[in-house]
Amino acid sequence: MIILFVVLIVVACLILGFIVLVQNPKGGGLSGTIGGFSNNFMGVKQTTDVLEKGTWIFAVVVALLCVFSAAFIPKSTSSNLVNELDTKPKQTQSAPLQQAPPAGAPVTAPVTPATKPK
């Protein structure tokens, strides 16, 4: 579900960016030169008003999508975080390794309770 919100936010941001770039603060911009129509774009008069309304609409859409997408982010509690930290493999201490006798020394078996001489 979060991927859907991310895609919608990106699309809304791209449209918002296009609308903002089409506008010119002096009133000319691309809106006045598209297709040779001065203030008549796709049958709508006062293109600058339409672009300004579109800017506000898409800005609100982006803001609302960002706020609502936060509700779908998986929640992790502190106990889950502790459990995740506990699942890391721990180093266990093993018995110290016995060193091999030097070369030429007689090899003797270690004395254990089962092999003690009587």
PDB file of N, CA and C in Angstrom:
ATOM      1  N   MET A   1       0.822  -1.191   0.000  1.00  0.00           N
ATOM      2  CA  MET A   1       0.000   0.000   0.000  1.00  0.00           C
ATOM      3  C   MET A   1       0.871   1.262   0.000  1.00  0.00           C
ATOM      4  N   ILE A   2       2.001   1.167   0.694  1.00  0.00           N
ATOM      5  CA  ILE A   2       2.884   2.330   0.759  1.00  0.00           C
ATOM      6  C   ILE A   2       3.471   2.634  -0.622  1.00  0.00           C
ATOM      7  N   ILE A   3       3.662   1.590  -1.426  1.00  0.00           N
ATOM      8  CA  ILE A   3       4.190   1.797  -2.779  1.00  0.00           C
ATOM      9  C   ILE A   3       3.185   2.584  -3.615  1.00  0.00           C
ATOM     10  N   LEU A   4       1.903   2.316  -3.440  1.00  0.00           N
ATOM     11  CA  LEU A   4       0.869   3.065  -4.152  1.00  0.00           C
ATOM     12  C   LEU A   4       0.942   4.545  -3.792  1.00  0.00           C
ATOM     13  N   PHE A   5       1.100   4.842  -2.512  1.00  0.00           N
ATOM     14  CA  PHE A   5       1.208   6.239  -2.102  1.00  0.00           C
ATOM     15  C   PHE A   5       2.459   6.894  -2.679  1.00  0.00           C
ATOM     16  N   VAL A   6       3.558   6.176  -2.707  1.00  0.00           N
ATOM     17  CA  VAL A   6       4.795   6.746  -3.254  1.00  0.00           C
ATOM     18  C   VAL A   6       4.614   7.054  -4.736  1.00  0.00           C
ATOM     19  N   VAL A   7       3.986   6.142  -5.480  1.00  0.00           N
ATOM     20  CA  VAL A   7       3.771   6.370  -6.910  1.00  0.00           C
ATOM     21  C   VAL A   7       2.848   7.572  -7.121  1.00  0.00           C
ATOM     22  N   LEU A   8       1.771   7.654  -6.339  1.00  0.00           N
ATOM     23  CA  LEU A   8       0.854   8.789  -6.468  1.00  0.00           C
ATOM     24  C   LEU A   8       1.536  10.110  -6.118  1.00  0.00           C
ATOM     25  N   ILE A   9       2.375  10.098  -5.099  1.00  0.00           N
ATOM     26  CA  ILE A   9       3.084  11.320  -4.714  1.00  0.00           C
ATOM     27  C   ILE A   9       4.042  11.752  -5.811  1.00  0.00           C
ATOM     28  N   VAL A  10       4.760  10.806  -6.396  1.00  0.00           N
ATOM     29  CA  VAL A  10       5.708  11.148  -7.460  1.00  0.00           C
ATOM     30  C   VAL A  10       4.966  11.708  -8.675  1.00  0.00           C
ATOM     31  N   VAL A  11       3.861  11.077  -9.057  1.00  0.00           N
ATOM     32  CA  VAL A  11       3.086  11.564 -10.208  1.00  0.00           C
ATOM     33  C   VAL A  11       2.545  12.962  -9.923  1.00  0.00           C
ATOM     34  N   ALA A  12       1.996  13.178  -8.733  1.00  0.00           N
ATOM     35  CA  ALA A  12       1.466  14.497  -8.383  1.00  0.00           C
ATOM     36  C   ALA A  12       2.579  15.548  -8.356  1.00  0.00           C
ATOM     37  N   CYS A  13       3.763  15.160  -7.892  1.00  0.00           N
ATOM     38  CA  CYS A  13       4.895  16.100  -7.871  1.00  0.00           C
ATOM     39  C   CYS A  13       5.346  16.459  -9.283  1.00  0.00           C
ATOM     40  N   LEU A  14       5.358  15.481 -10.176  1.00  0.00           N
ATOM     41  CA  LEU A  14       5.740  15.763 -11.560  1.00  0.00           C
ATOM     42  C   LEU A  14       4.738  16.709 -12.219  1.00  0.00           C
ATOM     43  N   ILE A  15       3.455  16.465 -12.008  1.00  0.00           N
ATOM     44  CA  ILE A  15       2.433  17.349 -12.578  1.00  0.00           C
ATOM     45  C   ILE A  15       2.542  18.744 -11.976  1.00  0.00           C
ATOM     46  N   LEU A  16       2.743  18.810 -10.667  1.00  0.00           N
ATOM     47  CA  LEU A  16       2.905  20.103 -10.002  1.00  0.00           C
ATOM     48  C   LEU A  16       4.122  20.846 -10.547  1.00  0.00           C
ATOM     49  N   GLY A  17       5.219  20.127 -10.725  1.00  0.00           N
ATOM     50  CA  GLY A  17       6.418  20.751 -11.284  1.00  0.00           C
ATOM     51  C   GLY A  17       6.186  21.278 -12.691  1.00  0.00           C
ATOM     52  N   PHE A  18       5.463  20.507 -13.502  1.00  0.00           N
ATOM     53  CA  PHE A  18       5.165  20.958 -14.862  1.00  0.00           C
ATOM     54  C   PHE A  18       4.301  22.213 -14.834  1.00  0.00           C
ATOM     55  N   ILE A  19       3.280  22.221 -13.985  1.00  0.00           N
ATOM     56  CA  ILE A  19       2.391  23.385 -13.902  1.00  0.00           C
ATOM     57  C   ILE A  19       3.159  24.617 -13.439  1.00  0.00           C
ATOM     58  N   VAL A  20       4.048  24.445 -12.489  1.00  0.00           N
ATOM     59  CA  VAL A  20       4.822  25.583 -11.990  1.00  0.00           C
ATOM     60  C   VAL A  20       5.775  26.093 -13.066  1.00  0.00           C
ATOM     61  N   LEU A  21       6.388  25.181 -13.805  1.00  0.00           N
ATOM     62  CA  LEU A  21       7.322  25.609 -14.851  1.00  0.00           C
ATOM     63  C   LEU A  21       6.620  26.275 -16.022  1.00  0.00           C
ATOM     64  N   VAL A  22       5.374  25.912 -16.279  1.00  0.00           N
ATOM     65  CA  VAL A  22       4.631  26.515 -17.377  1.00  0.00           C
ATOM     66  C   VAL A  22       4.284  27.961 -17.059  1.00  0.00           C
ATOM     67  N   GLN A  23       4.108  28.272 -15.795  1.00  0.00           N
ATOM     68  CA  GLN A  23       3.723  29.630 -15.407  1.00  0.00           C
ATOM     69  C   GLN A  23       4.897  30.584 -15.539  1.00  0.00           C
ATOM     70  N   ASN A  24       4.573  31.834 -15.765  1.00  0.00           N
ATOM     71  CA  ASN A  24       5.567  32.904 -15.778  1.00  0.00           C
ATOM     72  C   ASN A  24       5.083  33.962 -14.798  1.00  0.00           C
ATOM     73  N   PRO A  25       5.917  34.401 -13.884  1.00  0.00           N
ATOM     74  CA  PRO A  25       5.439  35.371 -12.901  1.00  0.00           C
ATOM     75  C   PRO A  25       4.952  36.679 -13.531  1.00  0.00           C
ATOM     76  N   LYS A  26       5.351  36.957 -14.769  1.00  0.00           N
ATOM     77  CA  LYS A  26       4.919  38.189 -15.422  1.00  0.00           C
ATOM     78  C   LYS A  26       3.647  37.981 -16.240  1.00  0.00           C
ATOM     79  N   GLY A  27       3.149  36.746 -16.272  1.00  0.00           N
ATOM     80  CA  GLY A  27       1.880  36.517 -16.948  1.00  0.00           C
ATOM     81  C   GLY A  27       2.017  35.925 -18.343  1.00  0.00           C
ATOM     82  N   GLY A  28       3.208  35.923 -18.922  1.00  0.00           N
ATOM     83  CA  GLY A  28       3.376  35.376 -20.274  1.00  0.00           C
ATOM     84  C   GLY A  28       3.574  33.882 -20.222  1.00  0.00           C
ATOM     85  N   GLY A  29       4.789  33.467 -20.012  1.00  0.00           N
ATOM     86  CA  GLY A  29       5.120  32.053 -19.857  1.00  0.00           C
ATOM     87  C   GLY A  29       4.751  31.211 -21.058  1.00  0.00           C
ATOM     88  N   LEU A  30       4.826  29.922 -20.871  1.00  0.00           N
ATOM     89  CA  LEU A  30       4.474  29.007 -21.945  1.00  0.00           C
ATOM     90  C   LEU A  30       2.974  28.986 -22.200  1.00  0.00           C
ATOM     91  N   SER A  31       2.207  29.339 -21.186  1.00  0.00           N
ATOM     92  CA  SER A  31       0.757  29.277 -21.344  1.00  0.00           C
ATOM     93  C   SER A  31       0.281  30.220 -22.437  1.00  0.00           C
ATOM     94  N   GLY A  32       0.966  31.298 -22.655  1.00  0.00           N
ATOM     95  CA  GLY A  32       0.559  32.245 -23.679  1.00  0.00           C
ATOM     96  C   GLY A  32       1.058  31.888 -25.059  1.00  0.00           C
ATOM     97  N   THR A  33       2.027  30.989 -25.157  1.00  0.00           N
ATOM     98  CA  THR A  33       2.607  30.681 -26.456  1.00  0.00           C
ATOM     99  C   THR A  33       2.275  29.288 -26.961  1.00  0.00           C
ATOM    100  N   ILE A  34       1.582  28.474 -26.181  1.00  0.00           N
ATOM    101  CA  ILE A  34       1.256  27.113 -26.627  1.00  0.00           C
ATOM    102  C   ILE A  34       0.187  27.194 -27.707  1.00  0.00           C
ATOM    103  N   GLY A  35       0.512  26.708 -28.869  1.00  0.00           N
ATOM    104  CA  GLY A  35      -0.457  26.631 -29.957  1.00  0.00           C
ATOM    105  C   GLY A  35      -0.859  27.983 -30.523  1.00  0.00           C
ATOM    106  N   GLY A  36      -0.214  29.050 -30.114  1.00  0.00           N
ATOM    107  CA  GLY A  36      -0.541  30.359 -30.649  1.00  0.00           C
ATOM    108  C   GLY A  36      -1.761  31.005 -30.007  1.00  0.00           C
ATOM    109  N   PHE A  37      -2.319  30.380 -28.993  1.00  0.00           N
ATOM    110  CA  PHE A  37      -3.470  30.967 -28.308  1.00  0.00           C
ATOM    111  C   PHE A  37      -2.954  31.897 -27.224  1.00  0.00           C
ATOM    112  N   SER A  38      -3.490  33.094 -27.184  1.00  0.00           N
ATOM    113  CA  SER A  38      -2.992  34.036 -26.185  1.00  0.00           C
ATOM    114  C   SER A  38      -3.486  33.685 -24.787  1.00  0.00           C
ATOM    115  N   ASN A  39      -4.754  33.733 -24.543  1.00  0.00           N
ATOM    116  CA  ASN A  39      -5.297  33.356 -23.243  1.00  0.00           C
ATOM    117  C   ASN A  39      -6.402  32.327 -23.412  1.00  0.00           C
ATOM    118  N   ASN A  40      -6.353  31.563 -24.452  1.00  0.00           N
ATOM    119  CA  ASN A  40      -7.366  30.552 -24.698  1.00  0.00           C
ATOM    120  C   ASN A  40      -6.647  29.228 -24.902  1.00  0.00           C
ATOM    121  N   PHE A  41      -6.583  28.427 -23.887  1.00  0.00           N
ATOM    122  CA  PHE A  41      -5.858  27.150 -23.931  1.00  0.00           C
ATOM    123  C   PHE A  41      -6.863  26.034 -23.735  1.00  0.00           C
ATOM    124  N   MET A  42      -7.050  25.199 -24.747  1.00  0.00           N
ATOM    125  CA  MET A  42      -7.994  24.090 -24.717  1.00  0.00           C
ATOM    126  C   MET A  42      -9.399  24.580 -24.366  1.00  0.00           C
ATOM    127  N   GLY A  43      -9.773  25.703 -24.894  1.00  0.00           N
ATOM    128  CA  GLY A  43     -11.118  26.212 -24.697  1.00  0.00           C
ATOM    129  C   GLY A  43     -11.346  26.897 -23.379  1.00  0.00           C
ATOM    130  N   VAL A  44     -10.327  27.067 -22.581  1.00  0.00           N
ATOM    131  CA  VAL A  44     -10.480  27.701 -21.271  1.00  0.00           C
ATOM    132  C   VAL A  44      -9.862  29.088 -21.336  1.00  0.00           C
ATOM    133  N   LYS A  45     -10.634  30.090 -20.961  1.00  0.00           N
ATOM    134  CA  LYS A  45     -10.093  31.445 -20.917  1.00  0.00           C
ATOM    135  C   LYS A  45      -9.361  31.653 -19.602  1.00  0.00           C
ATOM    136  N   GLN A  46      -8.499  32.614 -19.607  1.00  0.00           N
ATOM    137  CA  GLN A  46      -7.713  32.951 -18.428  1.00  0.00           C
ATOM    138  C   GLN A  46      -6.890  31.749 -17.956  1.00  0.00           C
ATOM    139  N   THR A  47      -5.979  31.319 -18.794  1.00  0.00           N
ATOM    140  CA  THR A  47      -5.142  30.161 -18.495  1.00  0.00           C
ATOM    141  C   THR A  47      -4.334  30.363 -17.225  1.00  0.00           C
ATOM    142  N   THR A  48      -3.923  31.569 -16.961  1.00  0.00           N
ATOM    143  CA  THR A  48      -3.120  31.799 -15.759  1.00  0.00           C
ATOM    144  C   THR A  48      -3.921  31.474 -14.509  1.00  0.00           C
ATOM    145  N   ASP A  49      -5.224  31.748 -14.514  1.00  0.00           N
ATOM    146  CA  ASP A  49      -6.056  31.405 -13.361  1.00  0.00           C
ATOM    147  C   ASP A  49      -6.159  29.893 -13.204  1.00  0.00           C
ATOM    148  N   VAL A  50      -6.291  29.200 -14.337  1.00  0.00           N
ATOM    149  CA  VAL A  50      -6.396  27.736 -14.296  1.00  0.00           C
ATOM    150  C   VAL A  50      -5.092  27.139 -13.781  1.00  0.00           C
ATOM    151  N   LEU A  51      -3.967  27.660 -14.253  1.00  0.00           N
ATOM    152  CA  LEU A  51      -2.678  27.148 -13.793  1.00  0.00           C
ATOM    153  C   LEU A  51      -2.452  27.446 -12.318  1.00  0.00           C
ATOM    154  N   GLU A  52      -2.908  28.613 -11.866  1.00  0.00           N
ATOM    155  CA  GLU A  52      -2.751  28.929 -10.443  1.00  0.00           C
ATOM    156  C   GLU A  52      -3.609  28.005  -9.585  1.00  0.00           C
ATOM    157  N   LYS A  53      -4.841  27.745 -10.033  1.00  0.00           N
ATOM    158  CA  LYS A  53      -5.704  26.822  -9.290  1.00  0.00           C
ATOM    159  C   LYS A  53      -5.126  25.407  -9.317  1.00  0.00           C
ATOM    160  N   GLY A  54      -4.566  25.011 -10.452  1.00  0.00           N
ATOM    161  CA  GLY A  54      -3.936  23.693 -10.552  1.00  0.00           C
ATOM    162  C   GLY A  54      -2.746  23.561  -9.625  1.00  0.00           C
ATOM    163  N   THR A  55      -1.988  24.646  -9.489  1.00  0.00           N
ATOM    164  CA  THR A  55      -0.845  24.634  -8.575  1.00  0.00           C
ATOM    165  C   THR A  55      -1.306  24.387  -7.146  1.00  0.00           C
ATOM    166  N   TRP A  56      -2.334  25.098  -6.731  1.00  0.00           N
ATOM    167  CA  TRP A  56      -2.842  24.926  -5.367  1.00  0.00           C
ATOM    168  C   TRP A  56      -3.441  23.541  -5.167  1.00  0.00           C
ATOM    169  N   ILE A  57      -4.166  23.066  -6.164  1.00  0.00           N
ATOM    170  CA  ILE A  57      -4.798  21.746  -6.035  1.00  0.00           C
ATOM    171  C   ILE A  57      -3.744  20.658  -5.895  1.00  0.00           C
ATOM    172  N   PHE A  58      -2.736  20.678  -6.757  1.00  0.00           N
ATOM    173  CA  PHE A  58      -1.716  19.622  -6.691  1.00  0.00           C
ATOM    174  C   PHE A  58      -0.818  19.778  -5.470  1.00  0.00           C
ATOM    175  N   ALA A  59      -0.625  20.989  -4.990  1.00  0.00           N
ATOM    176  CA  ALA A  59       0.140  21.168  -3.751  1.00  0.00           C
ATOM    177  C   ALA A  59      -0.617  20.549  -2.577  1.00  0.00           C
ATOM    178  N   VAL A  60      -1.929  20.742  -2.545  1.00  0.00           N
ATOM    179  CA  VAL A  60      -2.747  20.153  -1.480  1.00  0.00           C
ATOM    180  C   VAL A  60      -2.779  18.633  -1.621  1.00  0.00           C
ATOM    181  N   VAL A  61      -2.866  18.131  -2.866  1.00  0.00           N
ATOM    182  CA  VAL A  61      -2.882  16.678  -3.095  1.00  0.00           C
ATOM    183  C   VAL A  61      -1.583  16.049  -2.596  1.00  0.00           C
ATOM    184  N   VAL A  62      -0.447  16.665  -2.901  1.00  0.00           N
ATOM    185  CA  VAL A  62       0.846  16.139  -2.443  1.00  0.00           C
ATOM    186  C   VAL A  62       0.908  16.149  -0.916  1.00  0.00           C
ATOM    187  N   ALA A  63       0.465  17.243  -0.304  1.00  0.00           N
ATOM    188  CA  ALA A  63       0.506  17.328   1.153  1.00  0.00           C
ATOM    189  C   ALA A  63      -0.393  16.266   1.795  1.00  0.00           C
ATOM    190  N   LEU A  64      -1.604  16.099   1.274  1.00  0.00           N
ATOM    191  CA  LEU A  64      -2.516  15.102   1.841  1.00  0.00           C
ATOM    192  C   LEU A  64      -1.999  13.682   1.644  1.00  0.00           C
ATOM    193  N   LEU A  65      -1.441  13.393   0.475  1.00  0.00           N
ATOM    194  CA  LEU A  65      -0.884  12.057   0.246  1.00  0.00           C
ATOM    195  C   LEU A  65       0.265  11.766   1.209  1.00  0.00           C
ATOM    196  N   CYS A  66       1.090  12.767   1.463  1.00  0.00           N
ATOM    197  CA  CYS A  66       2.198  12.578   2.408  1.00  0.00           C
ATOM    198  C   CYS A  66       1.682  12.308   3.815  1.00  0.00           C
ATOM    199  N   VAL A  67       0.656  13.036   4.223  1.00  0.00           N
ATOM    200  CA  VAL A  67       0.105  12.852   5.574  1.00  0.00           C
ATOM    201  C   VAL A  67      -0.570  11.490   5.692  1.00  0.00           C
ATOM    202  N   PHE A  68      -1.392  11.119   4.687  1.00  0.00           N
ATOM    203  CA  PHE A  68      -2.112   9.845   4.758  1.00  0.00           C
ATOM    204  C   PHE A  68      -1.189   8.642   4.597  1.00  0.00           C
ATOM    205  N   SER A  69      -0.091   8.808   3.866  1.00  0.00           N
ATOM    206  CA  SER A  69       0.819   7.676   3.693  1.00  0.00           C
ATOM    207  C   SER A  69       1.510   7.312   5.007  1.00  0.00           C
ATOM    208  N   ALA A  70       1.629   8.271   5.907  1.00  0.00           N
ATOM    209  CA  ALA A  70       2.253   7.988   7.203  1.00  0.00           C
ATOM    210  C   ALA A  70       1.437   6.981   8.006  1.00  0.00           C
ATOM    211  N   ALA A  71       0.127   6.926   7.766  1.00  0.00           N
ATOM    212  CA  ALA A  71      -0.718   5.981   8.495  1.00  0.00           C
ATOM    213  C   ALA A  71      -0.470   4.541   8.058  1.00  0.00           C
ATOM    214  N   PHE A  72       0.111   4.346   6.873  1.00  0.00           N
ATOM    215  CA  PHE A  72       0.322   3.006   6.341  1.00  0.00           C
ATOM    216  C   PHE A  72       1.753   2.516   6.522  1.00  0.00           C
ATOM    217  N   ILE A  73       2.596   3.307   7.167  1.00  0.00           N
ATOM    218  CA  ILE A  73       3.961   2.865   7.440  1.00  0.00           C
ATOM    219  C   ILE A  73       3.906   1.870   8.584  1.00  0.00           C
ATOM    220  N   PRO A  74       4.544   0.702   8.436  1.00  0.00           N
ATOM    221  CA  PRO A  74       4.497  -0.294   9.517  1.00  0.00           C
ATOM    222  C   PRO A  74       5.088   0.269  10.804  1.00  0.00           C
ATOM    223  N   LYS A  75       4.398   0.025  11.884  1.00  0.00           N
ATOM    224  CA  LYS A  75       4.842   0.519  13.185  1.00  0.00           C
ATOM    225  C   LYS A  75       5.776  -0.507  13.819  1.00  0.00           C
ATOM    226  N   SER A  76       6.855  -0.063  14.393  1.00  0.00           N
ATOM    227  CA  SER A  76       7.741  -0.959  15.133  1.00  0.00           C
ATOM    228  C   SER A  76       7.809  -0.439  16.557  1.00  0.00           C
ATOM    229  N   THR A  77       7.552  -1.323  17.486  1.00  0.00           N
ATOM    230  CA  THR A  77       7.585  -0.937  18.886  1.00  0.00           C
ATOM    231  C   THR A  77       8.984  -1.157  19.431  1.00  0.00           C
ATOM    232  N   SER A  78       9.213  -0.672  20.604  1.00  0.00           N
ATOM    233  CA  SER A  78      10.540  -0.835  21.190  1.00  0.00           C
ATOM    234  C   SER A  78      10.812  -2.302  21.496  1.00  0.00           C
ATOM    235  N   SER A  79       9.771  -3.090  21.825  1.00  0.00           N
ATOM    236  CA  SER A  79      10.006  -4.505  22.104  1.00  0.00           C
ATOM    237  C   SER A  79      10.398  -5.233  20.821  1.00  0.00           C
ATOM    238  N   ASN A  80       9.828  -4.823  19.678  1.00  0.00           N
ATOM    239  CA  ASN A  80      10.238  -5.423  18.407  1.00  0.00           C
ATOM    240  C   ASN A  80      11.684  -5.077  18.101  1.00  0.00           C
ATOM    241  N   LEU A  81      12.072  -3.859  18.407  1.00  0.00           N
ATOM    242  CA  LEU A  81      13.446  -3.445  18.164  1.00  0.00           C
ATOM    243  C   LEU A  81      14.403  -4.245  19.037  1.00  0.00           C
ATOM    244  N   VAL A  82      14.033  -4.469  20.289  1.00  0.00           N
ATOM    245  CA  VAL A  82      14.867  -5.262  21.185  1.00  0.00           C
ATOM    246  C   VAL A  82      14.942  -6.700  20.674  1.00  0.00           C
ATOM    247  N   ASN A  83      13.812  -7.253  20.218  1.00  0.00           N
ATOM    248  CA  ASN A  83      13.819  -8.616  19.685  1.00  0.00           C
ATOM    249  C   ASN A  83      14.696  -8.712  18.444  1.00  0.00           C
ATOM    250  N   GLU A  84      14.668  -7.681  17.594  1.00  0.00           N
ATOM    251  CA  GLU A  84      15.520  -7.701  16.406  1.00  0.00           C
ATOM    252  C   GLU A  84      16.991  -7.670  16.803  1.00  0.00           C
ATOM    253  N   LEU A  85      17.306  -6.901  17.840  1.00  0.00           N
ATOM    254  CA  LEU A  85      18.694  -6.838  18.283  1.00  0.00           C
ATOM    255  C   LEU A  85      19.129  -8.157  18.912  1.00  0.00           C
ATOM    256  N   ASP A  86      18.193  -8.838  19.584  1.00  0.00           N
ATOM    257  CA  ASP A  86      18.528 -10.103  20.222  1.00  0.00           C
ATOM    258  C   ASP A  86      18.708 -11.232  19.222  1.00  0.00           C
ATOM    259  N   THR A  87      18.161 -11.112  18.024  1.00  0.00           N
ATOM    260  CA  THR A  87      18.262 -12.194  17.055  1.00  0.00           C
ATOM    261  C   THR A  87      19.597 -12.196  16.322  1.00  0.00           C
ATOM    262  N   LYS A  88      20.420 -11.205  16.564  1.00  0.00           N
ATOM    263  CA  LYS A  88      21.741 -11.204  15.940  1.00  0.00           C
ATOM    264  C   LYS A  88      22.548 -12.366  16.513  1.00  0.00           C
ATOM    265  N   PRO A  89      23.332 -13.021  15.679  1.00  0.00           N
ATOM    266  CA  PRO A  89      24.117 -14.142  16.195  1.00  0.00           C
ATOM    267  C   PRO A  89      25.136 -13.663  17.224  1.00  0.00           C
ATOM    268  N   LYS A  90      25.169 -14.361  18.315  1.00  0.00           N
ATOM    269  CA  LYS A  90      26.097 -14.009  19.390  1.00  0.00           C
ATOM    270  C   LYS A  90      27.342 -14.882  19.284  1.00  0.00           C
ATOM    271  N   GLN A  91      28.452 -14.321  19.679  1.00  0.00           N
ATOM    272  CA  GLN A  91      29.681 -15.093  19.678  1.00  0.00           C
ATOM    273  C   GLN A  91      29.705 -15.940  20.946  1.00  0.00           C
ATOM    274  N   THR A  92      29.907 -17.215  20.746  1.00  0.00           N
ATOM    275  CA  THR A  92      29.966 -18.114  21.899  1.00  0.00           C
ATOM    276  C   THR A  92      31.427 -18.399  22.214  1.00  0.00           C
ATOM    277  N   GLN A  93      31.687 -18.568  23.476  1.00  0.00           N
ATOM    278  CA  GLN A  93      33.045 -18.873  23.878  1.00  0.00           C
ATOM    279  C   GLN A  93      33.221 -20.379  23.855  1.00  0.00           C
ATOM    280  N   SER A  94      34.234 -20.815  23.169  1.00  0.00           N
ATOM    281  CA  SER A  94      34.506 -22.243  23.109  1.00  0.00           C
ATOM    282  C   SER A  94      35.722 -22.545  23.996  1.00  0.00           C
ATOM    283  N   ALA A  95      35.919 -23.806  24.216  1.00  0.00           N
ATOM    284  CA  ALA A  95      37.060 -24.228  25.027  1.00  0.00           C
ATOM    285  C   ALA A  95      38.339 -23.820  24.312  1.00  0.00           C
ATOM    286  N   PRO A  96      39.358 -23.453  25.067  1.00  0.00           N
ATOM    287  CA  PRO A  96      40.611 -23.061  24.411  1.00  0.00           C
ATOM    288  C   PRO A  96      41.190 -24.238  23.630  1.00  0.00           C
ATOM    289  N   LEU A  97      41.752 -23.912  22.514  1.00  0.00           N
ATOM    290  CA  LEU A  97      42.341 -24.946  21.676  1.00  0.00           C
ATOM    291  C   LEU A  97      43.631 -25.447  22.322  1.00  0.00           C
ATOM    292  N   GLN A  98      43.827 -26.751  22.223  1.00  0.00           N
ATOM    293  CA  GLN A  98      45.064 -27.316  22.756  1.00  0.00           C
ATOM    294  C   GLN A  98      46.140 -27.161  21.699  1.00  0.00           C
ATOM    295  N   GLN A  99      47.301 -26.779  22.166  1.00  0.00           N
ATOM    296  CA  GLN A  99      48.402 -26.597  21.238  1.00  0.00           C
ATOM    297  C   GLN A  99      49.039 -27.943  20.938  1.00  0.00           C
ATOM    298  N   ALA A 100      49.484 -28.086  19.724  1.00  0.00           N
ATOM    299  CA  ALA A 100      50.162 -29.322  19.326  1.00  0.00           C
ATOM    300  C   ALA A 100      51.539 -29.357  19.990  1.00  0.00           C
ATOM    301  N   PRO A 101      51.972 -30.540  20.376  1.00  0.00           N
ATOM    302  CA  PRO A 101      53.305 -30.630  20.992  1.00  0.00           C
ATOM    303  C   PRO A 101      54.376 -30.294  19.966  1.00  0.00           C
ATOM    304  N   PRO A 102      55.500 -29.818  20.432  1.00  0.00           N
ATOM    305  CA  PRO A 102      56.579 -29.488  19.499  1.00  0.00           C
ATOM    306  C   PRO A 102      57.047 -30.739  18.756  1.00  0.00           C
ATOM    307  N   ALA A 103      57.626 -30.507  17.594  1.00  0.00           N
ATOM    308  CA  ALA A 103      58.087 -31.627  16.771  1.00  0.00           C
ATOM    309  C   ALA A 103      59.151 -32.410  17.532  1.00  0.00           C
ATOM    310  N   GLY A 104      59.069 -33.733  17.472  1.00  0.00           N
ATOM    311  CA  GLY A 104      60.027 -34.603  18.113  1.00  0.00           C
ATOM    312  C   GLY A 104      59.656 -34.955  19.540  1.00  0.00           C
ATOM    313  N   ALA A 105      58.654 -34.329  20.115  1.00  0.00           N
ATOM    314  CA  ALA A 105      58.244 -34.652  21.482  1.00  0.00           C
ATOM    315  C   ALA A 105      57.354 -35.892  21.444  1.00  0.00           C
ATOM    316  N   PRO A 106      57.449 -36.730  22.499  1.00  0.00           N
ATOM    317  CA  PRO A 106      56.594 -37.922  22.504  1.00  0.00           C
ATOM    318  C   PRO A 106      55.122 -37.514  22.645  1.00  0.00           C
ATOM    319  N   VAL A 107      54.267 -38.210  21.901  1.00  0.00           N
ATOM    320  CA  VAL A 107      52.838 -37.921  21.933  1.00  0.00           C
ATOM    321  C   VAL A 107      52.212 -38.746  23.038  1.00  0.00           C
ATOM    322  N   THR A 108      51.514 -38.083  23.949  1.00  0.00           N
ATOM    323  CA  THR A 108      50.831 -38.785  25.032  1.00  0.00           C
ATOM    324  C   THR A 108      49.355 -38.441  24.960  1.00  0.00           C
ATOM    325  N   ALA A 109      48.552 -39.389  25.323  1.00  0.00           N
ATOM    326  CA  ALA A 109      47.113 -39.166  25.326  1.00  0.00           C
ATOM    327  C   ALA A 109      46.759 -38.359  26.562  1.00  0.00           C
ATOM    328  N   PRO A 110      45.803 -37.459  26.452  1.00  0.00           N
ATOM    329  CA  PRO A 110      45.417 -36.681  27.627  1.00  0.00           C
ATOM    330  C   PRO A 110      44.766 -37.577  28.667  1.00  0.00           C
ATOM    331  N   VAL A 111      44.995 -37.236  29.899  1.00  0.00           N
ATOM    332  CA  VAL A 111      44.447 -38.038  30.997  1.00  0.00           C
ATOM    333  C   VAL A 111      43.061 -37.507  31.300  1.00  0.00           C
ATOM    334  N   THR A 112      42.083 -38.382  31.174  1.00  0.00           N
ATOM    335  CA  THR A 112      40.704 -38.036  31.501  1.00  0.00           C
ATOM    336  C   THR A 112      40.236 -39.005  32.576  1.00  0.00           C
ATOM    337  N   PRO A 113      39.138 -38.734  33.233  1.00  0.00           N
ATOM    338  CA  PRO A 113      38.678 -39.625  34.301  1.00  0.00           C
ATOM    339  C   PRO A 113      38.460 -41.060  33.805  1.00  0.00           C
ATOM    340  N   ALA A 114      38.076 -41.262  32.553  1.00  0.00           N
ATOM    341  CA  ALA A 114      37.831 -42.601  32.078  1.00  0.00           C
ATOM    342  C   ALA A 114      39.116 -43.354  31.788  1.00  0.00           C
ATOM    343  N   THR A 115      40.210 -42.637  31.516  1.00  0.00           N
ATOM    344  CA  THR A 115      41.465 -43.311  31.140  1.00  0.00           C
ATOM    345  C   THR A 115      42.541 -43.188  32.207  1.00  0.00           C
ATOM    346  N   LYS A 116      42.190 -42.851  33.440  1.00  0.00           N
ATOM    347  CA  LYS A 116      43.198 -42.744  34.498  1.00  0.00           C
ATOM    348  C   LYS A 116      43.808 -44.119  34.767  1.00  0.00           C
ATOM    349  N   PRO A 117      45.111 -44.137  34.949  1.00  0.00           N
ATOM    350  CA  PRO A 117      45.733 -45.421  35.309  1.00  0.00           C
ATOM    351  C   PRO A 117      45.344 -45.807  36.731  1.00  0.00           C
ATOM    352  N   LYS A 118      45.180 -47.112  36.959  1.00  0.00           N
ATOM    353  CA  LYS A 118      44.768 -47.580  38.282  1.00  0.00           C
ATOM    354  C   LYS A 118      45.923 -47.972  39.126  1.00  0.00           C
TER     355      LYS A 118
END
